[in-house]
Amino acid sequence: MRKTDARVQDPLVLDEIELYGELVIAASASEQRLSQAQIDEVLGVHPETSARD
């Protein structure tokens, strides 16, 4: 039976876990549901500017 090396880490997964943690913290600090704009802000998502602008 082959053992998995616990030191192997997937940076992408670690980033996702960190973002999830940030959302949990923001949600628990808020008395209301987070709006999409608030979620975007926590995740660092910036709306794309329109091609017409």
C-alpha atoms as a PDB file:
ATOM      1  CA  MET A   1       0.000   0.000   0.000  1.00  0.00           C
ATOM      2  CA  ARG A   2       1.351   3.396  -0.999  1.00  0.00           C
ATOM      3  CA  LYS A   3       1.289   6.270   1.487  1.00  0.00           C
ATOM      4  CA  THR A   4       0.517   9.824   0.443  1.00  0.00           C
ATOM      5  CA  ASP A   5       3.129  12.432   1.292  1.00  0.00           C
ATOM      6  CA  ALA A   6       1.369  14.905   3.601  1.00  0.00           C
ATOM      7  CA  ARG A   7       3.878  17.594   2.609  1.00  0.00           C
ATOM      8  CA  VAL A   8       2.536  17.734  -0.929  1.00  0.00           C
ATOM      9  CA  GLN A   9       0.343  20.790  -1.263  1.00  0.00           C
ATOM     10  CA  ASP A  10      -1.817  22.081  -4.067  1.00  0.00           C
ATOM     11  CA  PRO A  11      -1.482  25.885  -4.159  1.00  0.00           C
ATOM     12  CA  LEU A  12      -4.766  26.274  -6.046  1.00  0.00           C
ATOM     13  CA  VAL A  13      -6.680  24.335  -3.416  1.00  0.00           C
ATOM     14  CA  LEU A  14      -4.996  26.281  -0.622  1.00  0.00           C
ATOM     15  CA  ASP A  15      -6.048  29.546  -2.300  1.00  0.00           C
ATOM     16  CA  GLU A  16      -9.652  28.315  -2.560  1.00  0.00           C
ATOM     17  CA  ILE A  17      -9.655  27.328   1.110  1.00  0.00           C
ATOM     18  CA  GLU A  18      -8.355  30.773   2.057  1.00  0.00           C
ATOM     19  CA  LEU A  19     -11.090  32.488   0.002  1.00  0.00           C
ATOM     20  CA  TYR A  20     -13.736  30.258   1.568  1.00  0.00           C
ATOM     21  CA  GLY A  21     -12.421  31.193   5.001  1.00  0.00           C
ATOM     22  CA  GLU A  22     -12.630  34.882   4.139  1.00  0.00           C
ATOM     23  CA  LEU A  23     -16.263  34.427   3.093  1.00  0.00           C
ATOM     24  CA  VAL A  24     -17.089  32.586   6.319  1.00  0.00           C
ATOM     25  CA  ILE A  25     -15.509  35.363   8.381  1.00  0.00           C
ATOM     26  CA  ALA A  26     -17.351  38.089   6.449  1.00  0.00           C
ATOM     27  CA  ALA A  27     -20.670  36.243   6.704  1.00  0.00           C
ATOM     28  CA  SER A  28     -20.314  35.613  10.423  1.00  0.00           C
ATOM     29  CA  ALA A  29     -19.462  39.284  11.040  1.00  0.00           C
ATOM     30  CA  SER A  30     -22.535  40.461   9.153  1.00  0.00           C
ATOM     31  CA  GLU A  31     -25.996  40.601  10.688  1.00  0.00           C
ATOM     32  CA  GLN A  32     -27.601  40.199   7.255  1.00  0.00           C
ATOM     33  CA  ARG A  33     -26.968  38.081   4.204  1.00  0.00           C
ATOM     34  CA  LEU A  34     -24.037  39.294   2.153  1.00  0.00           C
ATOM     35  CA  SER A  35     -24.998  40.987  -1.080  1.00  0.00           C
ATOM     36  CA  GLN A  36     -23.347  39.913  -4.315  1.00  0.00           C
ATOM     37  CA  ALA A  37     -21.321  43.148  -4.234  1.00  0.00           C
ATOM     38  CA  GLN A  38     -20.067  42.333  -0.727  1.00  0.00           C
ATOM     39  CA  ILE A  39     -19.152  38.792  -1.760  1.00  0.00           C
ATOM     40  CA  ASP A  40     -17.304  40.135  -4.792  1.00  0.00           C
ATOM     41  CA  GLU A  41     -15.424  42.560  -2.560  1.00  0.00           C
ATOM     42  CA  VAL A  42     -14.369  39.794  -0.139  1.00  0.00           C
ATOM     43  CA  LEU A  43     -13.221  37.614  -3.044  1.00  0.00           C
ATOM     44  CA  GLY A  44     -11.443  40.491  -4.760  1.00  0.00           C
ATOM     45  CA  VAL A  45     -13.622  40.249  -7.850  1.00  0.00           C
ATOM     46  CA  HIS A  46     -13.925  43.424  -9.874  1.00  0.00           C
ATOM     47  CA  PRO A  47     -16.732  43.789 -12.404  1.00  0.00           C
ATOM     48  CA  GLU A  48     -15.450  43.968 -15.943  1.00  0.00           C
ATOM     49  CA  THR A  49     -15.859  47.316 -17.595  1.00  0.00           C
ATOM     50  CA  SER A  50     -18.208  47.399 -20.505  1.00  0.00           C
ATOM     51  CA  ALA A  51     -16.679  47.248 -23.976  1.00  0.00           C
ATOM     52  CA  ARG A  52     -18.726  50.386 -24.757  1.00  0.00           C
ATOM     53  CA  ASP A  53     -16.924  52.477 -22.106  1.00  0.00           C
END
